Amino acid sequence: MKSLLSILCFFILFNCSTELVDTWKNPEISSYNPSKVLIIGMTSNAEAKQQFENQLKQQLESRGAKAVTSMEFFDDSMTTVSMTATQMDTLENKLIGEGFDTILFTKVIGVDDKIRYKKNYGGFDETYKKFKEEYLIHQDVYYNPEYYEDYKLYHTETNMYCICPTKERELIWKGFIDITDPQNVEEIVNEYVKLVIFALEEQHLIEPLNPEETSDDEAI
């Protein structure tokens, strides 16, 4: 399934900065239909968190689920004070008591510093057949700082958990997504949400969007 998702992602999100690199789905669950979802984007970037959670909420609710963002549900202490295991049990029981059956939890799990050649450096993109030509074109790799550019690669993980009161509280699905050199919060959030929603639909973990309900206002 990973290969299919990667191929389809390429056509849907061509030239995007996000990439689905791996997925896992609970083999005991063939399909799932959440009714009330708590969306948690764990980041200290308030702007990105708000945009991400709100867009996921919009997409889930357009597919028939009730969705609540962590910014709506949690008070400020959730992000300023460490919680104990007992407090987490209390939180889960509170969620169940309020009708939640699903948590969609996203976090950054690593960051790599990368270096790459600048594209079409010097205007040359041909393959040179002679050593002399190749060397002359690229010799300033030794002294020209513009030959390279630094960027960051963020490794993220989005998990879907079931907190159904009649079932074991378990992991349903997880997707590993890499974000390359994020510059624009809005663009990255758009791409990321599209990718998560697409992957969940392909795995039959959320209802597909009814084409008749699609409108320009709902588009990401």
N, C-alpha and C. Protein backbone atom coordinates (compact mmCIF):
# COMPACT_ATOMS: atom_id res chain seq x y z
N MET A 1 0.83 -1.20 0.00
CA MET A 1 0.00 0.00 0.00
C MET A 1 0.87 1.25 0.00
N LYS A 2 2.04 1.17 0.63
CA LYS A 2 2.92 2.33 0.66
C LYS A 2 3.27 2.81 -0.73
N SER A 3 3.57 1.85 -1.66
CA SER A 3 3.95 2.22 -3.01
C SER A 3 2.82 2.95 -3.71
N LEU A 4 1.59 2.43 -3.58
CA LEU A 4 0.43 3.06 -4.20
C LEU A 4 0.24 4.47 -3.66
N LEU A 5 0.34 4.64 -2.36
CA LEU A 5 0.18 5.96 -1.76
C LEU A 5 1.25 6.92 -2.27
N SER A 6 2.48 6.43 -2.41
CA SER A 6 3.56 7.30 -2.86
C SER A 6 3.34 7.74 -4.29
N ILE A 7 2.89 6.81 -5.14
CA ILE A 7 2.64 7.13 -6.55
C ILE A 7 1.52 8.14 -6.68
N LEU A 8 0.41 7.89 -5.98
CA LEU A 8 -0.73 8.79 -6.06
C LEU A 8 -0.39 10.15 -5.47
N CYS A 9 0.39 10.14 -4.40
CA CYS A 9 0.81 11.41 -3.81
C CYS A 9 1.62 12.23 -4.81
N PHE A 10 2.44 11.56 -5.60
CA PHE A 10 3.27 12.27 -6.57
C PHE A 10 2.40 13.03 -7.57
N PHE A 11 1.34 12.39 -8.03
CA PHE A 11 0.48 13.05 -9.01
C PHE A 11 -0.38 14.14 -8.37
N ILE A 12 -0.80 13.91 -7.12
CA ILE A 12 -1.66 14.89 -6.47
C ILE A 12 -0.86 16.08 -5.94
N LEU A 13 0.30 15.83 -5.41
CA LEU A 13 1.09 16.88 -4.76
C LEU A 13 2.43 17.06 -5.46
N PHE A 14 2.40 17.16 -6.79
CA PHE A 14 3.62 17.29 -7.57
C PHE A 14 4.41 18.52 -7.13
N ASN A 15 5.70 18.32 -6.94
CA ASN A 15 6.59 19.39 -6.51
C ASN A 15 6.29 19.90 -5.11
N CYS A 16 5.66 19.09 -4.29
CA CYS A 16 5.35 19.54 -2.94
C CYS A 16 6.55 19.37 -2.03
N SER A 17 6.47 19.93 -0.83
CA SER A 17 7.55 19.85 0.13
C SER A 17 7.30 18.78 1.18
N THR A 18 6.20 18.06 1.08
CA THR A 18 5.90 16.99 2.02
C THR A 18 5.88 15.66 1.29
N GLU A 19 6.34 14.63 1.99
CA GLU A 19 6.40 13.30 1.38
C GLU A 19 6.01 12.24 2.41
N LEU A 20 5.07 11.39 2.03
CA LEU A 20 4.72 10.25 2.88
C LEU A 20 5.76 9.17 2.67
N VAL A 21 6.57 8.90 3.71
CA VAL A 21 7.68 7.98 3.55
C VAL A 21 7.37 6.58 4.06
N ASP A 22 6.36 6.45 4.93
CA ASP A 22 6.00 5.12 5.42
C ASP A 22 4.66 5.21 6.14
N THR A 23 3.95 4.08 6.19
CA THR A 23 2.69 4.01 6.93
C THR A 23 2.59 2.66 7.62
N TRP A 24 1.75 2.62 8.64
CA TRP A 24 1.42 1.37 9.31
C TRP A 24 -0.06 1.41 9.66
N LYS A 25 -0.73 0.28 9.46
CA LYS A 25 -2.15 0.18 9.82
C LYS A 25 -2.36 -1.07 10.64
N ASN A 26 -3.15 -0.96 11.68
CA ASN A 26 -3.47 -2.11 12.53
C ASN A 26 -4.08 -3.22 11.67
N PRO A 27 -3.43 -4.38 11.59
CA PRO A 27 -3.92 -5.45 10.71
C PRO A 27 -5.28 -6.01 11.12
N GLU A 28 -5.70 -5.73 12.34
CA GLU A 28 -6.99 -6.24 12.81
C GLU A 28 -8.15 -5.31 12.44
N ILE A 29 -7.82 -4.16 11.84
CA ILE A 29 -8.86 -3.19 11.48
C ILE A 29 -8.88 -3.02 9.97
N SER A 30 -9.96 -3.43 9.33
CA SER A 30 -10.05 -3.27 7.88
C SER A 30 -10.59 -1.89 7.50
N SER A 31 -11.52 -1.37 8.31
CA SER A 31 -12.06 -0.04 8.06
C SER A 31 -12.46 0.58 9.38
N TYR A 32 -12.64 1.90 9.35
CA TYR A 32 -12.93 2.62 10.58
C TYR A 32 -13.69 3.88 10.21
N ASN A 33 -14.58 4.31 11.07
CA ASN A 33 -15.37 5.50 10.80
C ASN A 33 -15.50 6.32 12.08
N PRO A 34 -14.56 7.23 12.34
CA PRO A 34 -14.61 8.00 13.58
C PRO A 34 -15.85 8.89 13.64
N SER A 35 -16.40 9.03 14.84
CA SER A 35 -17.56 9.89 14.98
C SER A 35 -17.20 11.23 15.63
N LYS A 36 -16.25 11.22 16.58
CA LYS A 36 -15.83 12.47 17.21
C LYS A 36 -14.33 12.41 17.46
N VAL A 37 -13.61 13.35 16.88
CA VAL A 37 -12.15 13.29 16.84
C VAL A 37 -11.55 14.49 17.57
N LEU A 38 -10.56 14.22 18.43
CA LEU A 38 -9.75 15.28 19.00
C LEU A 38 -8.48 15.40 18.16
N ILE A 39 -8.21 16.59 17.64
CA ILE A 39 -7.05 16.83 16.78
C ILE A 39 -5.97 17.54 17.59
N ILE A 40 -4.79 16.93 17.64
CA ILE A 40 -3.68 17.51 18.40
C ILE A 40 -2.48 17.67 17.47
N GLY A 41 -2.06 18.91 17.27
CA GLY A 41 -0.81 19.17 16.57
C GLY A 41 0.20 19.66 17.59
N MET A 42 1.17 18.82 17.93
CA MET A 42 2.10 19.17 19.01
C MET A 42 3.25 19.98 18.44
N THR A 43 3.15 21.30 18.57
CA THR A 43 4.20 22.21 18.14
C THR A 43 4.10 23.49 18.96
N SER A 44 5.24 24.13 19.14
CA SER A 44 5.25 25.41 19.86
C SER A 44 4.93 26.57 18.93
N ASN A 45 4.84 26.31 17.63
CA ASN A 45 4.50 27.35 16.66
C ASN A 45 2.98 27.51 16.65
N ALA A 46 2.50 28.55 17.33
CA ALA A 46 1.05 28.71 17.50
C ALA A 46 0.33 28.91 16.17
N GLU A 47 0.97 29.64 15.26
CA GLU A 47 0.34 29.89 13.96
C GLU A 47 0.15 28.59 13.18
N ALA A 48 1.22 27.79 13.12
CA ALA A 48 1.15 26.52 12.40
C ALA A 48 0.15 25.58 13.06
N LYS A 49 0.15 25.54 14.39
CA LYS A 49 -0.75 24.67 15.13
C LYS A 49 -2.21 25.02 14.83
N GLN A 50 -2.53 26.30 14.87
CA GLN A 50 -3.90 26.73 14.64
C GLN A 50 -4.35 26.40 13.21
N GLN A 51 -3.50 26.73 12.24
CA GLN A 51 -3.86 26.45 10.85
C GLN A 51 -4.02 24.96 10.61
N PHE A 52 -3.09 24.18 11.13
CA PHE A 52 -3.11 22.74 10.91
C PHE A 52 -4.35 22.10 11.53
N GLU A 53 -4.60 22.39 12.78
CA GLU A 53 -5.75 21.78 13.45
C GLU A 53 -7.07 22.23 12.84
N ASN A 54 -7.17 23.50 12.48
CA ASN A 54 -8.41 23.99 11.88
C ASN A 54 -8.68 23.38 10.51
N GLN A 55 -7.63 23.20 9.73
CA GLN A 55 -7.82 22.59 8.40
C GLN A 55 -8.19 21.12 8.51
N LEU A 56 -7.56 20.41 9.43
CA LEU A 56 -7.95 19.02 9.63
C LEU A 56 -9.39 18.92 10.12
N LYS A 57 -9.76 19.81 11.02
CA LYS A 57 -11.14 19.83 11.51
C LYS A 57 -12.12 20.04 10.37
N GLN A 58 -11.83 20.99 9.50
CA GLN A 58 -12.70 21.26 8.37
C GLN A 58 -12.84 20.04 7.46
N GLN A 59 -11.71 19.39 7.19
CA GLN A 59 -11.74 18.23 6.29
C GLN A 59 -12.49 17.05 6.92
N LEU A 60 -12.30 16.81 8.20
CA LEU A 60 -12.99 15.70 8.86
C LEU A 60 -14.49 15.96 8.94
N GLU A 61 -14.86 17.19 9.28
CA GLU A 61 -16.28 17.49 9.41
C GLU A 61 -16.99 17.48 8.06
N SER A 62 -16.27 17.79 6.98
CA SER A 62 -16.88 17.70 5.66
C SER A 62 -17.12 16.25 5.25
N ARG A 63 -16.50 15.33 5.99
CA ARG A 63 -16.68 13.90 5.73
C ARG A 63 -17.58 13.24 6.77
N GLY A 64 -18.27 14.04 7.55
CA GLY A 64 -19.30 13.52 8.45
C GLY A 64 -18.90 13.30 9.89
N ALA A 65 -17.63 13.54 10.23
CA ALA A 65 -17.19 13.35 11.61
C ALA A 65 -17.29 14.67 12.37
N LYS A 66 -17.48 14.58 13.67
CA LYS A 66 -17.37 15.73 14.55
C LYS A 66 -15.90 15.86 14.93
N ALA A 67 -15.35 17.07 14.87
CA ALA A 67 -13.94 17.27 15.19
C ALA A 67 -13.76 18.47 16.08
N VAL A 68 -12.83 18.35 17.03
CA VAL A 68 -12.51 19.42 17.97
C VAL A 68 -11.00 19.56 18.01
N THR A 69 -10.50 20.78 17.93
CA THR A 69 -9.06 21.00 17.99
C THR A 69 -8.59 21.05 19.44
N SER A 70 -7.30 20.77 19.64
CA SER A 70 -6.75 20.82 20.99
C SER A 70 -6.79 22.24 21.54
N MET A 71 -6.72 23.24 20.64
CA MET A 71 -6.75 24.63 21.09
C MET A 71 -8.14 25.00 21.61
N GLU A 72 -9.16 24.29 21.17
CA GLU A 72 -10.51 24.49 21.69
C GLU A 72 -10.72 23.71 22.98
N PHE A 73 -10.11 22.54 23.07
CA PHE A 73 -10.42 21.61 24.15
C PHE A 73 -9.54 21.82 25.39
N PHE A 74 -8.24 22.06 25.19
CA PHE A 74 -7.31 22.15 26.30
C PHE A 74 -7.22 23.58 26.85
N ASP A 75 -6.93 23.68 28.14
CA ASP A 75 -6.59 24.98 28.69
C ASP A 75 -5.08 25.19 28.58
N ASP A 76 -4.61 26.36 28.95
CA ASP A 76 -3.20 26.71 28.76
C ASP A 76 -2.25 25.79 29.52
N SER A 77 -2.70 25.21 30.62
CA SER A 77 -1.81 24.39 31.45
C SER A 77 -1.34 23.14 30.71
N MET A 78 -2.09 22.70 29.70
CA MET A 78 -1.70 21.50 28.95
C MET A 78 -0.39 21.69 28.20
N THR A 79 -0.06 22.92 27.87
CA THR A 79 1.17 23.18 27.11
C THR A 79 2.27 23.81 27.96
N THR A 80 2.00 24.03 29.24
CA THR A 80 3.00 24.67 30.10
C THR A 80 3.43 23.79 31.27
N VAL A 81 2.67 22.75 31.57
CA VAL A 81 2.97 21.89 32.70
C VAL A 81 2.98 20.43 32.25
N SER A 82 3.99 19.67 32.69
CA SER A 82 4.06 18.25 32.36
C SER A 82 2.94 17.49 33.05
N MET A 83 2.35 16.53 32.35
CA MET A 83 1.26 15.74 32.91
C MET A 83 1.78 14.38 33.36
N THR A 84 1.16 13.83 34.37
CA THR A 84 1.50 12.51 34.87
C THR A 84 0.64 11.46 34.17
N ALA A 85 1.00 10.19 34.34
CA ALA A 85 0.22 9.10 33.75
C ALA A 85 -1.20 9.09 34.31
N THR A 86 -1.33 9.39 35.61
CA THR A 86 -2.66 9.43 36.22
C THR A 86 -3.51 10.54 35.61
N GLN A 87 -2.89 11.67 35.38
CA GLN A 87 -3.62 12.78 34.75
C GLN A 87 -4.02 12.44 33.31
N MET A 88 -3.17 11.69 32.62
CA MET A 88 -3.52 11.28 31.26
C MET A 88 -4.70 10.31 31.27
N ASP A 89 -4.74 9.42 32.26
CA ASP A 89 -5.90 8.52 32.39
C ASP A 89 -7.17 9.33 32.62
N THR A 90 -7.07 10.35 33.46
CA THR A 90 -8.22 11.21 33.71
C THR A 90 -8.66 11.92 32.44
N LEU A 91 -7.68 12.38 31.65
CA LEU A 91 -7.99 13.06 30.40
C LEU A 91 -8.70 12.12 29.43
N GLU A 92 -8.19 10.89 29.30
CA GLU A 92 -8.82 9.93 28.38
C GLU A 92 -10.25 9.63 28.83
N ASN A 93 -10.46 9.47 30.12
CA ASN A 93 -11.82 9.21 30.62
C ASN A 93 -12.74 10.40 30.35
N LYS A 94 -12.18 11.61 30.46
CA LYS A 94 -12.96 12.80 30.15
C LYS A 94 -13.36 12.82 28.68
N LEU A 95 -12.43 12.46 27.81
CA LEU A 95 -12.72 12.42 26.38
C LEU A 95 -13.82 11.42 26.07
N ILE A 96 -13.72 10.25 26.67
CA ILE A 96 -14.75 9.23 26.46
C ILE A 96 -16.10 9.72 26.97
N GLY A 97 -16.08 10.36 28.14
CA GLY A 97 -17.32 10.87 28.72
C GLY A 97 -17.98 11.92 27.85
N GLU A 98 -17.18 12.64 27.06
CA GLU A 98 -17.72 13.68 26.18
C GLU A 98 -17.96 13.18 24.76
N GLY A 99 -17.87 11.87 24.58
CA GLY A 99 -18.26 11.28 23.30
C GLY A 99 -17.16 11.13 22.27
N PHE A 100 -15.92 11.42 22.62
CA PHE A 100 -14.81 11.23 21.68
C PHE A 100 -14.53 9.73 21.53
N ASP A 101 -14.22 9.33 20.31
CA ASP A 101 -13.79 7.95 20.09
C ASP A 101 -12.44 7.86 19.39
N THR A 102 -11.88 9.02 18.98
CA THR A 102 -10.66 9.02 18.18
C THR A 102 -9.79 10.22 18.53
N ILE A 103 -8.47 9.99 18.52
CA ILE A 103 -7.49 11.06 18.64
C ILE A 103 -6.59 11.02 17.41
N LEU A 104 -6.39 12.17 16.78
CA LEU A 104 -5.46 12.30 15.67
C LEU A 104 -4.32 13.19 16.16
N PHE A 105 -3.15 12.58 16.31
CA PHE A 105 -2.04 13.21 17.03
C PHE A 105 -0.83 13.34 16.11
N THR A 106 -0.36 14.57 15.91
CA THR A 106 0.77 14.84 15.02
C THR A 106 1.90 15.50 15.79
N LYS A 107 3.13 15.06 15.50
CA LYS A 107 4.29 15.63 16.19
C LYS A 107 5.52 15.53 15.29
N VAL A 108 6.51 16.36 15.58
CA VAL A 108 7.82 16.27 14.93
C VAL A 108 8.67 15.29 15.72
N ILE A 109 9.29 14.34 15.03
CA ILE A 109 10.09 13.33 15.72
C ILE A 109 11.58 13.46 15.44
N GLY A 110 11.95 14.38 14.55
CA GLY A 110 13.37 14.58 14.28
C GLY A 110 13.60 15.65 13.23
N VAL A 111 14.80 16.24 13.26
CA VAL A 111 15.18 17.25 12.28
C VAL A 111 16.61 16.97 11.83
N ASP A 112 16.81 16.96 10.50
CA ASP A 112 18.15 16.77 9.94
C ASP A 112 18.59 18.03 9.22
N ASP A 113 19.85 18.40 9.41
CA ASP A 113 20.44 19.48 8.62
C ASP A 113 21.02 18.88 7.35
N LYS A 114 20.63 19.42 6.20
CA LYS A 114 21.04 18.88 4.91
C LYS A 114 21.76 19.93 4.08
N ILE A 115 22.52 19.45 3.10
CA ILE A 115 23.19 20.31 2.13
C ILE A 115 22.91 19.75 0.75
N ARG A 116 22.60 20.64 -0.22
CA ARG A 116 22.35 20.17 -1.58
C ARG A 116 22.97 21.16 -2.55
N TYR A 117 23.24 20.66 -3.77
CA TYR A 117 23.68 21.54 -4.84
C TYR A 117 22.51 22.41 -5.28
N LYS A 118 22.80 23.63 -5.62
CA LYS A 118 21.74 24.47 -6.15
C LYS A 118 21.39 24.00 -7.56
N LYS A 119 20.11 24.00 -7.87
CA LYS A 119 19.65 23.49 -9.15
C LYS A 119 20.13 24.39 -10.29
N ASN A 120 20.54 23.71 -11.39
CA ASN A 120 20.96 24.43 -12.59
C ASN A 120 22.01 25.49 -12.27
N TYR A 121 22.94 25.11 -11.42
CA TYR A 121 23.96 26.05 -11.02
C TYR A 121 24.72 26.57 -12.24
N GLY A 122 24.85 27.90 -12.36
CA GLY A 122 25.56 28.49 -13.47
C GLY A 122 24.82 28.37 -14.79
N GLY A 123 23.59 27.88 -14.76
CA GLY A 123 22.83 27.75 -15.99
C GLY A 123 23.13 26.49 -16.77
N PHE A 124 23.91 25.59 -16.21
CA PHE A 124 24.29 24.37 -16.93
C PHE A 124 23.53 23.18 -16.37
N ASP A 125 22.87 22.46 -17.24
CA ASP A 125 22.20 21.25 -16.80
C ASP A 125 22.49 20.08 -17.74
N GLU A 126 23.43 20.26 -18.65
CA GLU A 126 23.77 19.19 -19.57
C GLU A 126 24.75 18.21 -18.92
N THR A 127 24.92 17.06 -19.53
CA THR A 127 25.93 16.10 -19.12
C THR A 127 27.14 16.28 -20.03
N TYR A 128 28.26 16.60 -19.44
CA TYR A 128 29.45 16.88 -20.23
C TYR A 128 30.26 15.60 -20.40
N LYS A 129 30.73 15.40 -21.61
CA LYS A 129 31.41 14.16 -21.95
C LYS A 129 32.92 14.25 -21.73
N LYS A 130 33.43 15.47 -21.53
CA LYS A 130 34.86 15.62 -21.35
C LYS A 130 35.16 16.09 -19.93
N PHE A 131 36.20 15.53 -19.37
CA PHE A 131 36.60 15.89 -18.01
C PHE A 131 36.87 17.38 -17.89
N LYS A 132 37.56 17.96 -18.89
CA LYS A 132 37.92 19.38 -18.84
C LYS A 132 36.68 20.26 -18.69
N GLU A 133 35.65 19.97 -19.47
CA GLU A 133 34.42 20.76 -19.40
C GLU A 133 33.74 20.62 -18.04
N GLU A 134 33.68 19.40 -17.57
CA GLU A 134 33.04 19.13 -16.29
C GLU A 134 33.76 19.84 -15.15
N TYR A 135 35.08 19.76 -15.19
CA TYR A 135 35.86 20.38 -14.12
C TYR A 135 35.74 21.90 -14.13
N LEU A 136 35.81 22.49 -15.32
CA LEU A 136 35.74 23.94 -15.42
C LEU A 136 34.39 24.48 -14.93
N ILE A 137 33.34 23.74 -15.20
CA ILE A 137 32.01 24.18 -14.78
C ILE A 137 31.85 24.14 -13.27
N HIS A 138 32.42 23.13 -12.63
CA HIS A 138 32.15 22.90 -11.20
C HIS A 138 33.33 23.19 -10.29
N GLN A 139 34.39 23.80 -10.81
CA GLN A 139 35.59 23.97 -10.00
C GLN A 139 35.38 24.90 -8.80
N ASP A 140 34.39 25.80 -8.87
CA ASP A 140 34.24 26.73 -7.75
C ASP A 140 33.52 26.10 -6.57
N VAL A 141 33.29 24.79 -6.61
CA VAL A 141 32.78 24.11 -5.44
C VAL A 141 33.71 24.32 -4.25
N TYR A 142 34.99 24.59 -4.54
CA TYR A 142 35.99 24.75 -3.47
C TYR A 142 35.87 26.09 -2.75
N TYR A 143 35.40 27.12 -3.44
CA TYR A 143 35.50 28.45 -2.86
C TYR A 143 34.23 29.30 -2.94
N ASN A 144 33.22 28.85 -3.65
CA ASN A 144 32.01 29.66 -3.82
C ASN A 144 30.91 29.15 -2.90
N PRO A 145 30.55 29.90 -1.86
CA PRO A 145 29.52 29.43 -0.92
C PRO A 145 28.15 29.29 -1.56
N GLU A 146 27.93 29.92 -2.71
CA GLU A 146 26.64 29.82 -3.37
C GLU A 146 26.46 28.50 -4.13
N TYR A 147 27.52 27.71 -4.18
CA TYR A 147 27.42 26.42 -4.87
C TYR A 147 26.50 25.47 -4.13
N TYR A 148 26.44 25.62 -2.82
CA TYR A 148 25.61 24.78 -1.97
C TYR A 148 24.54 25.62 -1.29
N GLU A 149 23.52 24.96 -0.82
CA GLU A 149 22.55 25.61 0.06
C GLU A 149 22.17 24.66 1.18
N ASP A 150 22.01 25.20 2.36
CA ASP A 150 21.63 24.41 3.53
C ASP A 150 20.11 24.41 3.65
N TYR A 151 19.57 23.30 4.14
CA TYR A 151 18.14 23.24 4.41
C TYR A 151 17.89 22.21 5.51
N LYS A 152 16.69 22.25 6.06
CA LYS A 152 16.32 21.33 7.12
C LYS A 152 15.27 20.34 6.62
N LEU A 153 15.38 19.11 7.07
CA LEU A 153 14.42 18.07 6.76
C LEU A 153 13.76 17.64 8.06
N TYR A 154 12.45 17.91 8.17
CA TYR A 154 11.70 17.58 9.38
C TYR A 154 11.01 16.24 9.20
N HIS A 155 11.21 15.36 10.17
CA HIS A 155 10.53 14.06 10.19
C HIS A 155 9.34 14.15 11.14
N THR A 156 8.16 13.89 10.64
CA THR A 156 6.96 14.00 11.46
C THR A 156 6.19 12.68 11.46
N GLU A 157 5.30 12.58 12.42
CA GLU A 157 4.49 11.37 12.55
C GLU A 157 3.07 11.77 12.93
N THR A 158 2.11 11.24 12.21
CA THR A 158 0.70 11.43 12.55
C THR A 158 0.10 10.09 12.92
N ASN A 159 -0.52 10.01 14.10
CA ASN A 159 -1.10 8.76 14.59
C ASN A 159 -2.60 8.92 14.80
N MET A 160 -3.33 7.86 14.49
CA MET A 160 -4.77 7.81 14.80
C MET A 160 -4.98 6.76 15.88
N TYR A 161 -5.55 7.19 17.00
CA TYR A 161 -5.82 6.30 18.12
C TYR A 161 -7.32 6.14 18.33
N CYS A 162 -7.71 4.94 18.71
CA CYS A 162 -9.08 4.68 19.13
C CYS A 162 -9.14 4.76 20.64
N ILE A 163 -10.09 5.54 21.17
CA ILE A 163 -10.31 5.58 22.62
C ILE A 163 -11.75 5.17 22.92
N CYS A 164 -12.25 4.25 22.11
CA CYS A 164 -13.63 3.80 22.26
C CYS A 164 -13.81 3.13 23.62
N PRO A 165 -14.89 3.42 24.34
CA PRO A 165 -15.07 2.86 25.70
C PRO A 165 -15.27 1.36 25.71
N THR A 166 -15.76 0.78 24.60
CA THR A 166 -16.04 -0.66 24.56
C THR A 166 -14.89 -1.45 23.95
N LYS A 167 -13.80 -0.76 23.58
CA LYS A 167 -12.67 -1.43 22.96
C LYS A 167 -11.38 -1.07 23.67
N GLU A 168 -10.35 -1.87 23.41
CA GLU A 168 -9.03 -1.54 23.92
C GLU A 168 -8.57 -0.23 23.29
N ARG A 169 -7.96 0.64 24.08
CA ARG A 169 -7.46 1.89 23.54
C ARG A 169 -6.19 1.60 22.75
N GLU A 170 -6.27 1.73 21.44
CA GLU A 170 -5.20 1.21 20.61
C GLU A 170 -4.87 2.13 19.44
N LEU A 171 -3.68 1.89 18.89
CA LEU A 171 -3.24 2.60 17.69
C LEU A 171 -3.89 1.97 16.47
N ILE A 172 -4.51 2.80 15.65
CA ILE A 172 -5.16 2.33 14.43
C ILE A 172 -4.23 2.50 13.23
N TRP A 173 -3.60 3.66 13.14
CA TRP A 173 -2.80 3.98 11.95
C TRP A 173 -1.72 4.99 12.32
N LYS A 174 -0.59 4.90 11.62
CA LYS A 174 0.43 5.93 11.75
C LYS A 174 1.05 6.19 10.39
N GLY A 175 1.35 7.44 10.13
CA GLY A 175 2.01 7.82 8.90
C GLY A 175 3.23 8.67 9.20
N PHE A 176 4.34 8.35 8.53
CA PHE A 176 5.57 9.12 8.69
C PHE A 176 5.72 10.04 7.48
N ILE A 177 5.80 11.33 7.75
CA ILE A 177 5.83 12.33 6.68
C ILE A 177 7.04 13.23 6.87
N ASP A 178 7.81 13.41 5.79
CA ASP A 178 8.95 14.31 5.81
C ASP A 178 8.57 15.65 5.20
N ILE A 179 9.04 16.72 5.82
CA ILE A 179 8.82 18.08 5.33
C ILE A 179 10.18 18.66 4.98
N THR A 180 10.35 19.04 3.72
CA THR A 180 11.62 19.55 3.25
C THR A 180 11.64 21.06 3.22
N ASP A 181 12.59 21.66 3.94
CA ASP A 181 12.86 23.08 3.88
C ASP A 181 11.60 23.93 3.96
N PRO A 182 10.84 23.82 5.05
CA PRO A 182 9.60 24.61 5.15
C PRO A 182 9.88 26.10 5.22
N GLN A 183 9.25 26.85 4.35
CA GLN A 183 9.41 28.30 4.31
C GLN A 183 8.10 29.03 4.58
N ASN A 184 7.01 28.48 4.05
CA ASN A 184 5.72 29.13 4.15
C ASN A 184 4.77 28.24 4.95
N VAL A 185 4.33 28.72 6.11
CA VAL A 185 3.50 27.90 7.00
C VAL A 185 2.22 27.46 6.29
N GLU A 186 1.56 28.38 5.62
CA GLU A 186 0.28 28.06 4.99
C GLU A 186 0.43 26.99 3.93
N GLU A 187 1.47 27.09 3.08
CA GLU A 187 1.67 26.10 2.03
C GLU A 187 1.98 24.73 2.61
N ILE A 188 2.83 24.68 3.63
CA ILE A 188 3.20 23.40 4.23
C ILE A 188 1.99 22.76 4.90
N VAL A 189 1.20 23.55 5.62
CA VAL A 189 0.01 23.01 6.26
C VAL A 189 -0.96 22.46 5.22
N ASN A 190 -1.17 23.21 4.13
CA ASN A 190 -2.05 22.74 3.07
C ASN A 190 -1.62 21.38 2.54
N GLU A 191 -0.32 21.27 2.22
CA GLU A 191 0.20 20.03 1.67
C GLU A 191 0.07 18.88 2.68
N TYR A 192 0.41 19.17 3.93
CA TYR A 192 0.40 18.13 4.95
C TYR A 192 -1.01 17.60 5.18
N VAL A 193 -1.97 18.51 5.30
CA VAL A 193 -3.36 18.09 5.54
C VAL A 193 -3.88 17.28 4.37
N LYS A 194 -3.61 17.72 3.15
CA LYS A 194 -4.03 16.96 1.97
C LYS A 194 -3.48 15.53 2.02
N LEU A 195 -2.22 15.42 2.38
CA LEU A 195 -1.57 14.12 2.39
C LEU A 195 -2.14 13.20 3.47
N VAL A 196 -2.36 13.73 4.67
CA VAL A 196 -2.94 12.93 5.75
C VAL A 196 -4.35 12.47 5.39
N ILE A 197 -5.18 13.38 4.90
CA ILE A 197 -6.55 13.03 4.54
C ILE A 197 -6.57 12.00 3.42
N PHE A 198 -5.74 12.20 2.42
CA PHE A 198 -5.66 11.25 1.31
C PHE A 198 -5.27 9.85 1.81
N ALA A 199 -4.26 9.79 2.69
CA ALA A 199 -3.80 8.50 3.19
C ALA A 199 -4.88 7.81 4.02
N LEU A 200 -5.59 8.56 4.86
CA LEU A 200 -6.64 7.97 5.68
C LEU A 200 -7.80 7.47 4.83
N GLU A 201 -8.13 8.19 3.77
CA GLU A 201 -9.18 7.72 2.87
C GLU A 201 -8.76 6.44 2.17
N GLU A 202 -7.52 6.39 1.70
CA GLU A 202 -7.03 5.19 1.00
C GLU A 202 -7.04 3.97 1.91
N GLN A 203 -6.83 4.19 3.20
CA GLN A 203 -6.81 3.08 4.15
C GLN A 203 -8.19 2.78 4.73
N HIS A 204 -9.22 3.47 4.23
CA HIS A 204 -10.61 3.27 4.68
C HIS A 204 -10.78 3.57 6.17
N LEU A 205 -10.11 4.65 6.61
CA LEU A 205 -10.18 5.03 8.01
C LEU A 205 -11.01 6.30 8.24
N ILE A 206 -11.38 6.97 7.18
CA ILE A 206 -12.36 8.04 7.22
C ILE A 206 -13.22 7.93 5.98
N GLU A 207 -14.39 8.53 6.04
CA GLU A 207 -15.29 8.50 4.89
C GLU A 207 -14.74 9.39 3.77
N PRO A 208 -14.84 8.92 2.52
CA PRO A 208 -14.44 9.80 1.41
C PRO A 208 -15.39 10.97 1.28
N LEU A 209 -14.87 12.06 0.73
CA LEU A 209 -15.68 13.25 0.56
C LEU A 209 -16.68 13.04 -0.58
N ASN A 210 -17.93 13.36 -0.31
CA ASN A 210 -18.96 13.28 -1.34
C ASN A 210 -18.71 14.38 -2.36
N PRO A 211 -18.51 14.03 -3.66
CA PRO A 211 -18.20 15.06 -4.67
C PRO A 211 -19.26 16.16 -4.72
N GLU A 212 -20.52 15.81 -4.40
CA GLU A 212 -21.59 16.80 -4.47
C GLU A 212 -21.44 17.85 -3.37
N GLU A 213 -20.67 17.49 -2.31
CA GLU A 213 -20.51 18.43 -1.20
C GLU A 213 -19.28 19.32 -1.35
N THR A 214 -18.48 19.05 -2.39
CA THR A 214 -17.26 19.81 -2.58
C THR A 214 -17.58 21.19 -3.12
N SER A 215 -16.95 22.19 -2.58
CA SER A 215 -17.12 23.55 -3.07
C SER A 215 -15.81 24.26 -2.98
N ASP A 216 -15.70 25.39 -3.65
CA ASP A 216 -14.46 26.16 -3.60
C ASP A 216 -14.13 26.60 -2.19
N ASP A 217 -15.16 26.85 -1.40
CA ASP A 217 -14.93 27.31 -0.03
C ASP A 217 -14.32 26.22 0.83
N GLU A 218 -14.58 24.94 0.47
CA GLU A 218 -14.09 23.83 1.28
C GLU A 218 -12.71 23.40 0.84
N ALA A 219 -12.28 23.83 -0.33
CA ALA A 219 -10.99 23.39 -0.82
C ALA A 219 -9.87 23.95 0.04
N ILE A 220 -8.84 23.14 0.18
CA ILE A 220 -7.69 23.58 0.96
C ILE A 220 -6.89 24.59 0.15
